Amino acid sequence: MANLMEKTLSQAIAQRRATPSFDGSPIPNEHLKKIIEAGLQAPSGYNMQPWRFVVVRSPEQRRRLRWASFNQAKVEEASVVIVACGDADGWRTGDLEEMLRMGCEGGMPENYAEQARQNIPNYLSNHPNLTAWLNKQVMIAFTSMMLMAEVLGYDTAPMEGFEQEKVREVLKLPLSYHVVALLALGHLRGEDKFEGGRFSMGITVFENEYGRPLKL
């Protein structure tokens, strides 16, 4: 196994690159579990946790997933590819009641739970763009997993280059699942990606209103 150089969170955020190529060396189960659990601890709207993750580890399945991802080699080269999905029907099929059950065990007031039983279905069933809502929730968990992998010393490549229906076919996903992104994990092979640069706060951050630079 390649030597791991664990990082602080600040280092992981600053040094992370979208890895161009992986060497295929394995990720131990205990590290993979930590990465996945980081995603499962993420916050979400109403705590509905609408994410579902398919962890693709077998070489054969990664090869099929490469076909569904515009033939990008890194999908097949990676040790693991986590396919992040959002379930549009989870709240209808048990997630809401399970979330409320766990919440009540953790001290959620019963009147809050009863309100949630009414408000959450009303909000989600009438949402003008549920796919956009799912994307927002899932990407929080996705980012948590990506950063945990980097902190543990692995290299990552977040990917949105795939064909939704082909991924659905390869993974045998339910119709209610929307594929949000792919996260390839492993160890860099060859040279890392160049430093692309980031816009400064002077361009992207404002104080109190648009156009007023934040002074720190």
N, C-alpha and C. Protein backbone atom coordinates (compact mmCIF):
# COMPACT_ATOMS: atom_id res chain seq x y z
N MET A 1 0.84 -1.19 0.00
CA MET A 1 0.00 0.00 0.00
C MET A 1 0.88 1.25 0.00
N ALA A 2 0.47 2.27 -0.72
CA ALA A 2 1.24 3.51 -0.78
C ALA A 2 1.28 4.16 0.60
N ASN A 3 2.39 4.87 0.88
CA ASN A 3 2.50 5.58 2.14
C ASN A 3 1.51 6.73 2.17
N LEU A 4 0.79 6.84 3.30
CA LEU A 4 -0.19 7.91 3.43
C LEU A 4 0.40 9.06 4.21
N MET A 5 0.12 10.28 3.77
CA MET A 5 0.51 11.47 4.49
C MET A 5 -0.76 12.18 4.90
N GLU A 6 -1.17 11.95 6.15
CA GLU A 6 -2.40 12.59 6.62
C GLU A 6 -2.20 14.10 6.69
N LYS A 7 -3.31 14.83 6.51
CA LYS A 7 -3.27 16.28 6.47
C LYS A 7 -4.26 16.85 7.48
N THR A 8 -4.04 18.10 7.85
CA THR A 8 -5.08 18.82 8.59
C THR A 8 -6.19 19.19 7.61
N LEU A 9 -7.34 19.57 8.15
CA LEU A 9 -8.44 19.97 7.27
C LEU A 9 -8.05 21.18 6.43
N SER A 10 -7.35 22.14 7.04
CA SER A 10 -6.92 23.33 6.29
C SER A 10 -6.00 22.95 5.14
N GLN A 11 -5.09 22.02 5.38
CA GLN A 11 -4.20 21.56 4.31
C GLN A 11 -4.97 20.85 3.22
N ALA A 12 -5.92 20.02 3.62
CA ALA A 12 -6.71 19.27 2.64
C ALA A 12 -7.49 20.20 1.73
N ILE A 13 -8.07 21.24 2.31
CA ILE A 13 -8.85 22.19 1.51
C ILE A 13 -7.94 22.96 0.56
N ALA A 14 -6.79 23.41 1.06
CA ALA A 14 -5.90 24.24 0.24
C ALA A 14 -5.15 23.45 -0.82
N GLN A 15 -4.83 22.20 -0.54
CA GLN A 15 -3.96 21.43 -1.44
C GLN A 15 -4.71 20.49 -2.37
N ARG A 16 -6.00 20.31 -2.17
CA ARG A 16 -6.75 19.34 -2.97
C ARG A 16 -6.75 19.71 -4.44
N ARG A 17 -6.58 18.70 -5.28
CA ARG A 17 -6.70 18.85 -6.73
C ARG A 17 -7.60 17.74 -7.26
N ALA A 18 -8.20 17.96 -8.40
CA ALA A 18 -8.96 16.89 -9.06
C ALA A 18 -7.95 15.96 -9.72
N THR A 19 -7.72 14.82 -9.11
CA THR A 19 -6.65 13.91 -9.53
C THR A 19 -6.86 13.43 -10.96
N PRO A 20 -5.86 13.60 -11.83
CA PRO A 20 -6.03 13.22 -13.24
C PRO A 20 -5.90 11.72 -13.50
N SER A 21 -5.15 11.00 -12.63
CA SER A 21 -4.92 9.57 -12.88
C SER A 21 -4.60 8.87 -11.57
N PHE A 22 -5.10 7.64 -11.41
CA PHE A 22 -4.89 6.88 -10.18
C PHE A 22 -4.05 5.64 -10.45
N ASP A 23 -3.37 5.16 -9.39
CA ASP A 23 -2.53 3.97 -9.57
C ASP A 23 -3.23 2.66 -9.21
N GLY A 24 -4.46 2.73 -8.72
CA GLY A 24 -5.24 1.52 -8.47
C GLY A 24 -4.96 0.82 -7.16
N SER A 25 -4.04 1.33 -6.34
CA SER A 25 -3.75 0.66 -5.06
C SER A 25 -4.96 0.75 -4.14
N PRO A 26 -5.17 -0.26 -3.31
CA PRO A 26 -6.43 -0.37 -2.56
C PRO A 26 -6.55 0.62 -1.40
N ILE A 27 -7.78 0.83 -0.99
CA ILE A 27 -8.10 1.61 0.21
C ILE A 27 -8.60 0.63 1.26
N PRO A 28 -7.98 0.58 2.44
CA PRO A 28 -8.44 -0.35 3.48
C PRO A 28 -9.88 -0.05 3.90
N ASN A 29 -10.57 -1.10 4.31
CA ASN A 29 -11.97 -0.95 4.70
C ASN A 29 -12.17 0.07 5.81
N GLU A 30 -11.23 0.11 6.78
CA GLU A 30 -11.42 1.03 7.90
C GLU A 30 -11.35 2.49 7.44
N HIS A 31 -10.53 2.77 6.43
CA HIS A 31 -10.46 4.13 5.90
C HIS A 31 -11.69 4.44 5.04
N LEU A 32 -12.11 3.48 4.25
CA LEU A 32 -13.31 3.68 3.43
C LEU A 32 -14.52 3.94 4.32
N LYS A 33 -14.60 3.22 5.43
CA LYS A 33 -15.71 3.43 6.36
C LYS A 33 -15.69 4.84 6.94
N LYS A 34 -14.50 5.34 7.31
CA LYS A 34 -14.39 6.71 7.82
C LYS A 34 -14.85 7.73 6.78
N ILE A 35 -14.47 7.50 5.54
CA ILE A 35 -14.85 8.42 4.46
C ILE A 35 -16.36 8.45 4.29
N ILE A 36 -16.97 7.27 4.25
CA ILE A 36 -18.42 7.20 4.07
C ILE A 36 -19.15 7.80 5.26
N GLU A 37 -18.68 7.49 6.47
CA GLU A 37 -19.35 8.01 7.66
C GLU A 37 -19.28 9.53 7.73
N ALA A 38 -18.21 10.12 7.20
CA ALA A 38 -18.13 11.59 7.15
C ALA A 38 -19.27 12.16 6.34
N GLY A 39 -19.62 11.49 5.24
CA GLY A 39 -20.75 11.94 4.44
C GLY A 39 -22.07 11.76 5.15
N LEU A 40 -22.22 10.65 5.86
CA LEU A 40 -23.49 10.37 6.53
C LEU A 40 -23.74 11.31 7.70
N GLN A 41 -22.69 11.97 8.20
CA GLN A 41 -22.85 12.92 9.30
C GLN A 41 -23.17 14.34 8.81
N ALA A 42 -23.27 14.52 7.51
CA ALA A 42 -23.49 15.87 6.96
C ALA A 42 -24.88 16.40 7.32
N PRO A 43 -25.02 17.72 7.37
CA PRO A 43 -26.35 18.31 7.58
C PRO A 43 -27.18 18.25 6.30
N SER A 44 -28.49 18.35 6.47
CA SER A 44 -29.39 18.38 5.30
C SER A 44 -30.67 19.11 5.68
N GLY A 45 -31.39 19.60 4.67
CA GLY A 45 -32.64 20.29 4.90
C GLY A 45 -33.64 19.41 5.62
N TYR A 46 -34.18 19.91 6.74
CA TYR A 46 -35.12 19.15 7.59
C TYR A 46 -34.49 17.86 8.13
N ASN A 47 -33.19 17.72 8.02
CA ASN A 47 -32.49 16.49 8.40
C ASN A 47 -33.02 15.28 7.64
N MET A 48 -33.46 15.48 6.40
CA MET A 48 -34.07 14.39 5.64
C MET A 48 -33.05 13.43 5.02
N GLN A 49 -31.79 13.83 4.95
CA GLN A 49 -30.72 12.92 4.51
C GLN A 49 -31.13 12.12 3.25
N PRO A 50 -31.45 12.81 2.16
CA PRO A 50 -31.98 12.11 0.98
C PRO A 50 -30.91 11.44 0.13
N TRP A 51 -29.68 11.41 0.61
CA TRP A 51 -28.58 10.83 -0.17
C TRP A 51 -28.60 9.31 -0.13
N ARG A 52 -28.12 8.75 -1.22
CA ARG A 52 -27.87 7.31 -1.32
C ARG A 52 -26.55 7.16 -2.08
N PHE A 53 -25.69 6.28 -1.62
CA PHE A 53 -24.35 6.14 -2.21
C PHE A 53 -24.13 4.70 -2.66
N VAL A 54 -23.67 4.54 -3.88
CA VAL A 54 -23.27 3.23 -4.39
C VAL A 54 -21.75 3.23 -4.46
N VAL A 55 -21.13 2.33 -3.70
CA VAL A 55 -19.67 2.25 -3.62
C VAL A 55 -19.21 1.19 -4.61
N VAL A 56 -18.56 1.64 -5.67
CA VAL A 56 -18.16 0.74 -6.76
C VAL A 56 -16.70 0.36 -6.56
N ARG A 57 -16.48 -0.91 -6.26
CA ARG A 57 -15.12 -1.38 -5.95
C ARG A 57 -14.59 -2.43 -6.93
N SER A 58 -15.47 -3.23 -7.50
CA SER A 58 -14.98 -4.31 -8.36
C SER A 58 -14.45 -3.75 -9.68
N PRO A 59 -13.35 -4.31 -10.20
CA PRO A 59 -12.80 -3.84 -11.48
C PRO A 59 -13.82 -3.94 -12.61
N GLU A 60 -14.61 -5.00 -12.62
CA GLU A 60 -15.60 -5.18 -13.69
C GLU A 60 -16.64 -4.07 -13.67
N GLN A 61 -17.12 -3.74 -12.46
CA GLN A 61 -18.15 -2.71 -12.37
C GLN A 61 -17.58 -1.32 -12.64
N ARG A 62 -16.33 -1.08 -12.25
CA ARG A 62 -15.70 0.20 -12.58
C ARG A 62 -15.53 0.34 -14.09
N ARG A 63 -15.26 -0.77 -14.75
CA ARG A 63 -15.14 -0.74 -16.22
C ARG A 63 -16.48 -0.36 -16.85
N ARG A 64 -17.54 -0.92 -16.34
CA ARG A 64 -18.88 -0.58 -16.86
C ARG A 64 -19.21 0.88 -16.57
N LEU A 65 -18.85 1.31 -15.38
CA LEU A 65 -19.11 2.70 -15.01
C LEU A 65 -18.30 3.66 -15.88
N ARG A 66 -17.12 3.27 -16.27
CA ARG A 66 -16.32 4.08 -17.20
C ARG A 66 -17.09 4.28 -18.50
N TRP A 67 -17.73 3.23 -18.99
CA TRP A 67 -18.54 3.33 -20.21
C TRP A 67 -19.65 4.38 -20.04
N ALA A 68 -20.20 4.48 -18.84
CA ALA A 68 -21.28 5.43 -18.56
C ALA A 68 -20.76 6.82 -18.26
N SER A 69 -19.44 6.98 -18.22
CA SER A 69 -18.82 8.25 -17.83
C SER A 69 -17.91 8.79 -18.93
N PHE A 70 -18.40 8.71 -20.17
CA PHE A 70 -17.68 9.24 -21.33
C PHE A 70 -16.27 8.66 -21.44
N ASN A 71 -16.12 7.40 -21.02
CA ASN A 71 -14.87 6.66 -21.17
C ASN A 71 -13.69 7.32 -20.45
N GLN A 72 -13.95 7.98 -19.34
CA GLN A 72 -12.87 8.60 -18.58
C GLN A 72 -12.07 7.53 -17.84
N ALA A 73 -10.79 7.46 -18.11
CA ALA A 73 -9.95 6.38 -17.58
C ALA A 73 -9.90 6.36 -16.06
N LYS A 74 -9.96 7.53 -15.43
CA LYS A 74 -9.81 7.58 -13.97
C LYS A 74 -10.90 6.79 -13.25
N VAL A 75 -12.06 6.61 -13.89
CA VAL A 75 -13.13 5.82 -13.27
C VAL A 75 -12.68 4.38 -13.08
N GLU A 76 -11.99 3.85 -14.06
CA GLU A 76 -11.50 2.47 -13.98
C GLU A 76 -10.21 2.37 -13.17
N GLU A 77 -9.39 3.40 -13.18
CA GLU A 77 -8.11 3.38 -12.47
C GLU A 77 -8.26 3.54 -10.96
N ALA A 78 -9.29 4.24 -10.52
CA ALA A 78 -9.46 4.55 -9.10
C ALA A 78 -9.63 3.28 -8.28
N SER A 79 -9.26 3.36 -7.01
CA SER A 79 -9.47 2.23 -6.11
C SER A 79 -10.95 2.02 -5.85
N VAL A 80 -11.66 3.13 -5.70
CA VAL A 80 -13.09 3.13 -5.38
C VAL A 80 -13.73 4.31 -6.09
N VAL A 81 -14.94 4.13 -6.58
CA VAL A 81 -15.74 5.25 -7.07
C VAL A 81 -17.06 5.25 -6.29
N ILE A 82 -17.33 6.36 -5.63
CA ILE A 82 -18.59 6.51 -4.90
C ILE A 82 -19.55 7.28 -5.78
N VAL A 83 -20.67 6.65 -6.11
CA VAL A 83 -21.70 7.30 -6.93
C VAL A 83 -22.74 7.88 -5.99
N ALA A 84 -22.82 9.21 -5.97
CA ALA A 84 -23.71 9.91 -5.06
C ALA A 84 -25.05 10.19 -5.74
N CYS A 85 -26.12 9.75 -5.11
CA CYS A 85 -27.46 9.90 -5.67
C CYS A 85 -28.38 10.57 -4.65
N GLY A 86 -29.47 11.14 -5.15
CA GLY A 86 -30.52 11.65 -4.30
C GLY A 86 -31.80 10.89 -4.57
N ASP A 87 -32.49 10.49 -3.51
CA ASP A 87 -33.73 9.73 -3.65
C ASP A 87 -34.92 10.67 -3.53
N ALA A 88 -35.62 10.87 -4.63
CA ALA A 88 -36.75 11.80 -4.66
C ALA A 88 -37.95 11.29 -3.88
N ASP A 89 -38.01 9.99 -3.63
CA ASP A 89 -39.18 9.40 -2.96
C ASP A 89 -38.90 8.91 -1.56
N GLY A 90 -37.68 9.10 -1.07
CA GLY A 90 -37.34 8.57 0.25
C GLY A 90 -38.27 9.06 1.35
N TRP A 91 -38.64 10.32 1.28
CA TRP A 91 -39.51 10.88 2.32
C TRP A 91 -40.89 10.23 2.32
N ARG A 92 -41.30 9.70 1.17
CA ARG A 92 -42.61 9.04 1.07
C ARG A 92 -42.56 7.60 1.56
N THR A 93 -41.37 7.00 1.53
CA THR A 93 -41.27 5.55 1.71
C THR A 93 -40.53 5.15 2.98
N GLY A 94 -40.56 5.99 3.99
CA GLY A 94 -40.02 5.60 5.28
C GLY A 94 -38.98 6.53 5.88
N ASP A 95 -38.32 7.35 5.06
CA ASP A 95 -37.26 8.21 5.60
C ASP A 95 -37.80 9.21 6.62
N LEU A 96 -38.96 9.79 6.34
CA LEU A 96 -39.52 10.81 7.23
C LEU A 96 -39.79 10.22 8.61
N GLU A 97 -40.46 9.08 8.66
CA GLU A 97 -40.79 8.48 9.95
C GLU A 97 -39.53 8.02 10.69
N GLU A 98 -38.56 7.50 9.95
CA GLU A 98 -37.31 7.08 10.60
C GLU A 98 -36.55 8.27 11.15
N MET A 99 -36.54 9.37 10.40
CA MET A 99 -35.87 10.58 10.88
C MET A 99 -36.55 11.09 12.15
N LEU A 100 -37.88 11.09 12.16
CA LEU A 100 -38.61 11.56 13.33
C LEU A 100 -38.41 10.63 14.52
N ARG A 101 -38.37 9.33 14.26
CA ARG A 101 -38.13 8.37 15.35
C ARG A 101 -36.78 8.64 16.01
N MET A 102 -35.73 8.80 15.18
CA MET A 102 -34.40 9.07 15.73
C MET A 102 -34.37 10.41 16.45
N GLY A 103 -35.07 11.40 15.87
CA GLY A 103 -35.12 12.71 16.48
C GLY A 103 -35.77 12.69 17.85
N CYS A 104 -36.89 11.97 17.96
CA CYS A 104 -37.58 11.87 19.25
C CYS A 104 -36.72 11.16 20.27
N GLU A 105 -35.98 10.15 19.83
CA GLU A 105 -35.05 9.47 20.75
C GLU A 105 -33.95 10.42 21.22
N GLY A 106 -33.61 11.39 20.37
CA GLY A 106 -32.57 12.36 20.71
C GLY A 106 -33.08 13.60 21.41
N GLY A 107 -34.38 13.63 21.71
CA GLY A 107 -34.93 14.76 22.46
C GLY A 107 -35.83 15.69 21.67
N MET A 108 -36.17 15.34 20.43
CA MET A 108 -37.07 16.19 19.65
C MET A 108 -38.44 16.27 20.34
N PRO A 109 -38.97 17.47 20.59
CA PRO A 109 -40.29 17.59 21.20
C PRO A 109 -41.37 16.98 20.30
N GLU A 110 -42.37 16.38 20.90
CA GLU A 110 -43.42 15.71 20.12
C GLU A 110 -44.20 16.70 19.26
N ASN A 111 -44.41 17.91 19.76
CA ASN A 111 -45.15 18.89 18.95
C ASN A 111 -44.34 19.30 17.71
N TYR A 112 -42.99 19.31 17.84
CA TYR A 112 -42.13 19.59 16.69
C TYR A 112 -42.25 18.46 15.67
N ALA A 113 -42.26 17.23 16.16
CA ALA A 113 -42.38 16.07 15.27
C ALA A 113 -43.71 16.10 14.51
N GLU A 114 -44.78 16.45 15.20
CA GLU A 114 -46.09 16.49 14.54
C GLU A 114 -46.13 17.58 13.48
N GLN A 115 -45.52 18.71 13.78
CA GLN A 115 -45.44 19.78 12.78
C GLN A 115 -44.66 19.32 11.56
N ALA A 116 -43.55 18.63 11.81
CA ALA A 116 -42.71 18.14 10.71
C ALA A 116 -43.47 17.15 9.84
N ARG A 117 -44.30 16.31 10.44
CA ARG A 117 -45.09 15.33 9.67
C ARG A 117 -46.00 16.02 8.66
N GLN A 118 -46.40 17.23 8.97
CA GLN A 118 -47.26 17.98 8.05
C GLN A 118 -46.44 18.85 7.10
N ASN A 119 -45.46 19.55 7.65
CA ASN A 119 -44.75 20.55 6.86
C ASN A 119 -43.81 19.96 5.82
N ILE A 120 -43.10 18.89 6.18
CA ILE A 120 -42.11 18.33 5.26
C ILE A 120 -42.76 17.74 4.01
N PRO A 121 -43.80 16.89 4.14
CA PRO A 121 -44.46 16.40 2.92
C PRO A 121 -45.04 17.53 2.07
N ASN A 122 -45.59 18.54 2.72
CA ASN A 122 -46.16 19.66 1.98
C ASN A 122 -45.07 20.40 1.20
N TYR A 123 -43.92 20.60 1.85
CA TYR A 123 -42.82 21.31 1.20
C TYR A 123 -42.26 20.51 0.02
N LEU A 124 -41.98 19.23 0.24
CA LEU A 124 -41.33 18.43 -0.80
C LEU A 124 -42.27 18.07 -1.94
N SER A 125 -43.52 17.81 -1.64
CA SER A 125 -44.46 17.44 -2.71
C SER A 125 -44.80 18.62 -3.61
N ASN A 126 -44.61 19.83 -3.10
CA ASN A 126 -44.91 21.03 -3.88
C ASN A 126 -43.66 21.78 -4.33
N HIS A 127 -42.50 21.17 -4.13
CA HIS A 127 -41.26 21.87 -4.48
C HIS A 127 -41.19 22.06 -5.99
N PRO A 128 -40.87 23.27 -6.46
CA PRO A 128 -40.85 23.53 -7.91
C PRO A 128 -39.70 22.83 -8.64
N ASN A 129 -38.66 22.45 -7.92
CA ASN A 129 -37.51 21.79 -8.56
C ASN A 129 -36.85 20.86 -7.54
N LEU A 130 -37.45 19.69 -7.37
CA LEU A 130 -36.96 18.76 -6.35
C LEU A 130 -35.55 18.26 -6.69
N THR A 131 -35.24 18.14 -7.97
CA THR A 131 -33.90 17.69 -8.36
C THR A 131 -32.85 18.68 -7.87
N ALA A 132 -33.12 19.96 -7.99
CA ALA A 132 -32.17 20.97 -7.51
C ALA A 132 -32.01 20.87 -5.99
N TRP A 133 -33.12 20.63 -5.29
CA TRP A 133 -33.06 20.47 -3.84
C TRP A 133 -32.20 19.26 -3.47
N LEU A 134 -32.41 18.15 -4.17
CA LEU A 134 -31.61 16.95 -3.91
C LEU A 134 -30.13 17.21 -4.15
N ASN A 135 -29.82 17.89 -5.25
CA ASN A 135 -28.42 18.19 -5.56
C ASN A 135 -27.75 18.94 -4.41
N LYS A 136 -28.46 19.93 -3.86
CA LYS A 136 -27.89 20.72 -2.77
C LYS A 136 -27.58 19.86 -1.56
N GLN A 137 -28.53 19.02 -1.20
CA GLN A 137 -28.34 18.18 -0.01
C GLN A 137 -27.20 17.18 -0.22
N VAL A 138 -27.23 16.50 -1.35
CA VAL A 138 -26.25 15.44 -1.61
C VAL A 138 -24.84 15.99 -1.69
N MET A 139 -24.68 17.18 -2.27
CA MET A 139 -23.33 17.72 -2.43
C MET A 139 -22.69 18.11 -1.10
N ILE A 140 -23.50 18.38 -0.08
CA ILE A 140 -22.90 18.64 1.24
C ILE A 140 -22.24 17.36 1.75
N ALA A 141 -22.96 16.25 1.66
CA ALA A 141 -22.41 14.96 2.09
C ALA A 141 -21.23 14.55 1.22
N PHE A 142 -21.35 14.77 -0.07
CA PHE A 142 -20.29 14.45 -1.03
C PHE A 142 -18.99 15.16 -0.67
N THR A 143 -19.10 16.46 -0.38
CA THR A 143 -17.92 17.25 -0.05
C THR A 143 -17.30 16.79 1.26
N SER A 144 -18.14 16.41 2.23
CA SER A 144 -17.60 15.89 3.49
C SER A 144 -16.78 14.63 3.26
N MET A 145 -17.26 13.74 2.39
CA MET A 145 -16.52 12.52 2.09
C MET A 145 -15.22 12.84 1.37
N MET A 146 -15.29 13.75 0.42
CA MET A 146 -14.09 14.11 -0.34
C MET A 146 -13.01 14.67 0.57
N LEU A 147 -13.39 15.55 1.48
CA LEU A 147 -12.40 16.16 2.37
C LEU A 147 -11.86 15.15 3.39
N MET A 148 -12.72 14.25 3.87
CA MET A 148 -12.22 13.22 4.78
C MET A 148 -11.19 12.34 4.08
N ALA A 149 -11.45 11.99 2.82
CA ALA A 149 -10.48 11.20 2.06
C ALA A 149 -9.15 11.93 1.95
N GLU A 150 -9.21 13.23 1.68
CA GLU A 150 -7.98 14.02 1.56
C GLU A 150 -7.25 14.11 2.90
N VAL A 151 -7.99 14.29 3.99
CA VAL A 151 -7.38 14.35 5.31
C VAL A 151 -6.66 13.04 5.63
N LEU A 152 -7.23 11.92 5.21
CA LEU A 152 -6.62 10.62 5.46
C LEU A 152 -5.41 10.34 4.56
N GLY A 153 -5.19 11.22 3.58
CA GLY A 153 -4.02 11.07 2.72
C GLY A 153 -4.29 10.52 1.34
N TYR A 154 -5.56 10.41 0.97
CA TYR A 154 -5.90 9.89 -0.36
C TYR A 154 -6.09 11.04 -1.34
N ASP A 155 -6.09 10.70 -2.61
CA ASP A 155 -6.35 11.66 -3.68
C ASP A 155 -7.77 11.46 -4.19
N THR A 156 -8.38 12.53 -4.67
CA THR A 156 -9.78 12.47 -5.05
C THR A 156 -10.03 13.15 -6.38
N ALA A 157 -11.11 12.76 -7.02
CA ALA A 157 -11.54 13.42 -8.26
C ALA A 157 -13.07 13.47 -8.27
N PRO A 158 -13.66 14.63 -7.96
CA PRO A 158 -15.10 14.78 -8.11
C PRO A 158 -15.44 14.88 -9.58
N MET A 159 -16.51 14.20 -10.00
CA MET A 159 -16.80 14.11 -11.43
C MET A 159 -18.28 14.33 -11.70
N GLU A 160 -18.57 15.18 -12.68
CA GLU A 160 -19.94 15.35 -13.16
C GLU A 160 -20.08 14.94 -14.62
N GLY A 161 -19.01 14.38 -15.18
CA GLY A 161 -19.03 13.92 -16.57
C GLY A 161 -19.52 12.49 -16.67
N PHE A 162 -20.81 12.31 -16.76
CA PHE A 162 -21.40 10.97 -16.89
C PHE A 162 -22.77 11.12 -17.54
N GLU A 163 -23.30 10.00 -18.00
CA GLU A 163 -24.63 9.98 -18.60
C GLU A 163 -25.60 9.33 -17.61
N GLN A 164 -26.56 10.12 -17.19
CA GLN A 164 -27.48 9.72 -16.12
C GLN A 164 -28.10 8.34 -16.36
N GLU A 165 -28.65 8.14 -17.55
CA GLU A 165 -29.37 6.89 -17.80
C GLU A 165 -28.42 5.70 -17.91
N LYS A 166 -27.22 5.93 -18.41
CA LYS A 166 -26.25 4.84 -18.48
C LYS A 166 -25.78 4.43 -17.08
N VAL A 167 -25.55 5.42 -16.22
CA VAL A 167 -25.18 5.09 -14.84
C VAL A 167 -26.31 4.34 -14.16
N ARG A 168 -27.53 4.78 -14.39
CA ARG A 168 -28.70 4.09 -13.83
C ARG A 168 -28.74 2.63 -14.28
N GLU A 169 -28.44 2.42 -15.56
CA GLU A 169 -28.45 1.06 -16.11
C GLU A 169 -27.35 0.20 -15.47
N VAL A 170 -26.15 0.74 -15.39
CA VAL A 170 -25.02 -0.03 -14.84
C VAL A 170 -25.26 -0.41 -13.39
N LEU A 171 -25.79 0.52 -12.61
CA LEU A 171 -25.94 0.31 -11.17
C LEU A 171 -27.31 -0.22 -10.78
N LYS A 172 -28.21 -0.36 -11.76
CA LYS A 172 -29.57 -0.86 -11.51
C LYS A 172 -30.30 0.01 -10.48
N LEU A 173 -30.22 1.31 -10.69
CA LEU A 173 -30.81 2.26 -9.75
C LEU A 173 -32.32 2.34 -9.88
N PRO A 174 -33.02 2.54 -8.77
CA PRO A 174 -34.46 2.80 -8.85
C PRO A 174 -34.75 4.08 -9.63
N LEU A 175 -35.94 4.17 -10.18
CA LEU A 175 -36.30 5.35 -10.98
C LEU A 175 -36.32 6.62 -10.15
N SER A 176 -36.53 6.50 -8.85
CA SER A 176 -36.58 7.69 -7.99
C SER A 176 -35.20 8.25 -7.68
N TYR A 177 -34.14 7.54 -8.06
CA TYR A 177 -32.78 7.99 -7.76
C TYR A 177 -32.27 8.90 -8.87
N HIS A 178 -31.73 10.04 -8.47
CA HIS A 178 -31.10 10.99 -9.38
C HIS A 178 -29.60 10.98 -9.11
N VAL A 179 -28.80 10.69 -10.12
CA VAL A 179 -27.34 10.66 -9.95
C VAL A 179 -26.82 12.09 -9.92
N VAL A 180 -26.13 12.44 -8.85
CA VAL A 180 -25.65 13.81 -8.66
C VAL A 180 -24.19 13.96 -9.08
N ALA A 181 -23.32 13.08 -8.63
CA ALA A 181 -21.89 13.20 -8.93
C ALA A 181 -21.19 11.89 -8.61
N LEU A 182 -19.98 11.75 -9.16
CA LEU A 182 -19.12 10.60 -8.88
C LEU A 182 -17.89 11.09 -8.14
N LEU A 183 -17.44 10.31 -7.16
CA LEU A 183 -16.23 10.65 -6.43
C LEU A 183 -15.24 9.49 -6.56
N ALA A 184 -14.18 9.72 -7.36
CA ALA A 184 -13.13 8.72 -7.53
C ALA A 184 -12.09 8.91 -6.43
N LEU A 185 -11.67 7.79 -5.82
CA LEU A 185 -10.74 7.83 -4.70
C LEU A 185 -9.56 6.90 -4.96
N GLY A 186 -8.40 7.27 -4.44
CA GLY A 186 -7.24 6.39 -4.57
C GLY A 186 -5.95 7.14 -4.35
N HIS A 187 -4.93 6.74 -5.09
CA HIS A 187 -3.61 7.36 -5.00
C HIS A 187 -3.19 7.87 -6.37
N LEU A 188 -2.67 9.07 -6.38
CA LEU A 188 -2.21 9.70 -7.62
C LEU A 188 -1.17 8.85 -8.33
N ARG A 189 -1.31 8.74 -9.63
CA ARG A 189 -0.27 8.15 -10.47
C ARG A 189 0.30 9.26 -11.36
N GLY A 190 1.63 9.39 -11.36
CA GLY A 190 2.24 10.41 -12.20
C GLY A 190 2.16 11.79 -11.57
N GLU A 191 2.14 12.81 -12.40
CA GLU A 191 2.13 14.19 -11.92
C GLU A 191 0.73 14.63 -11.56
N ASP A 192 0.65 15.45 -10.51
CA ASP A 192 -0.63 16.00 -10.10
C ASP A 192 -1.06 17.09 -11.06
N LYS A 193 -2.32 17.47 -10.95
CA LYS A 193 -2.86 18.53 -11.79
C LYS A 193 -2.20 19.87 -11.42
N PHE A 194 -2.11 20.75 -12.38
CA PHE A 194 -1.53 22.07 -12.14
C PHE A 194 -2.40 22.86 -11.16
N GLU A 195 -1.80 23.90 -10.59
CA GLU A 195 -2.52 24.79 -9.68
C GLU A 195 -3.37 25.74 -10.50
N GLY A 196 -4.67 25.59 -10.41
CA GLY A 196 -5.58 26.39 -11.23
C GLY A 196 -5.83 27.79 -10.71
N GLY A 197 -5.56 28.02 -9.42
CA GLY A 197 -5.79 29.33 -8.84
C GLY A 197 -7.23 29.50 -8.38
N ARG A 198 -7.44 30.41 -7.44
CA ARG A 198 -8.77 30.71 -6.93
C ARG A 198 -8.95 32.22 -6.89
N PHE A 199 -10.16 32.67 -7.20
CA PHE A 199 -10.46 34.10 -7.13
C PHE A 199 -10.28 34.60 -5.69
N SER A 200 -9.88 35.85 -5.55
CA SER A 200 -9.64 36.43 -4.23
C SER A 200 -10.96 36.86 -3.59
N MET A 201 -10.90 37.11 -2.28
CA MET A 201 -12.09 37.61 -1.57
C MET A 201 -12.54 38.95 -2.14
N GLY A 202 -11.60 39.73 -2.64
CA GLY A 202 -11.96 41.03 -3.19
C GLY A 202 -12.92 40.93 -4.36
N ILE A 203 -12.90 39.81 -5.06
CA ILE A 203 -13.78 39.59 -6.20
C ILE A 203 -15.07 38.89 -5.81
N THR A 204 -15.00 38.01 -4.80
CA THR A 204 -16.11 37.08 -4.55
C THR A 204 -16.87 37.30 -3.26
N VAL A 205 -16.36 38.13 -2.34
CA VAL A 205 -16.97 38.24 -1.01
C VAL A 205 -17.30 39.70 -0.72
N PHE A 206 -18.51 39.91 -0.20
CA PHE A 206 -18.97 41.27 0.10
C PHE A 206 -19.48 41.34 1.54
N GLU A 207 -19.49 42.55 2.09
CA GLU A 207 -19.94 42.74 3.47
C GLU A 207 -21.25 43.51 3.50
N ASN A 208 -22.26 42.88 4.05
CA ASN A 208 -23.58 43.46 4.27
C ASN A 208 -24.40 43.67 3.00
N GLU A 209 -23.75 44.03 1.91
CA GLU A 209 -24.47 44.22 0.65
C GLU A 209 -23.51 44.04 -0.52
N TYR A 210 -24.07 43.76 -1.68
CA TYR A 210 -23.24 43.56 -2.88
C TYR A 210 -22.42 44.81 -3.19
N GLY A 211 -21.16 44.61 -3.57
CA GLY A 211 -20.31 45.70 -4.00
C GLY A 211 -19.47 46.32 -2.91
N ARG A 212 -19.76 45.97 -1.65
CA ARG A 212 -18.96 46.51 -0.55
C ARG A 212 -17.97 45.44 -0.10
N PRO A 213 -16.68 45.63 -0.33
CA PRO A 213 -15.70 44.59 0.00
C PRO A 213 -15.70 44.26 1.49
N LEU A 214 -15.51 42.99 1.79
CA LEU A 214 -15.39 42.57 3.18
C LEU A 214 -14.01 42.96 3.69
N LYS A 215 -13.98 43.62 4.84
CA LYS A 215 -12.71 44.04 5.43
C LYS A 215 -12.40 43.16 6.64
N LEU A 216 -11.30 42.45 6.56
CA LEU A 216 -10.88 41.56 7.65
C LEU A 216 -9.46 41.91 8.09
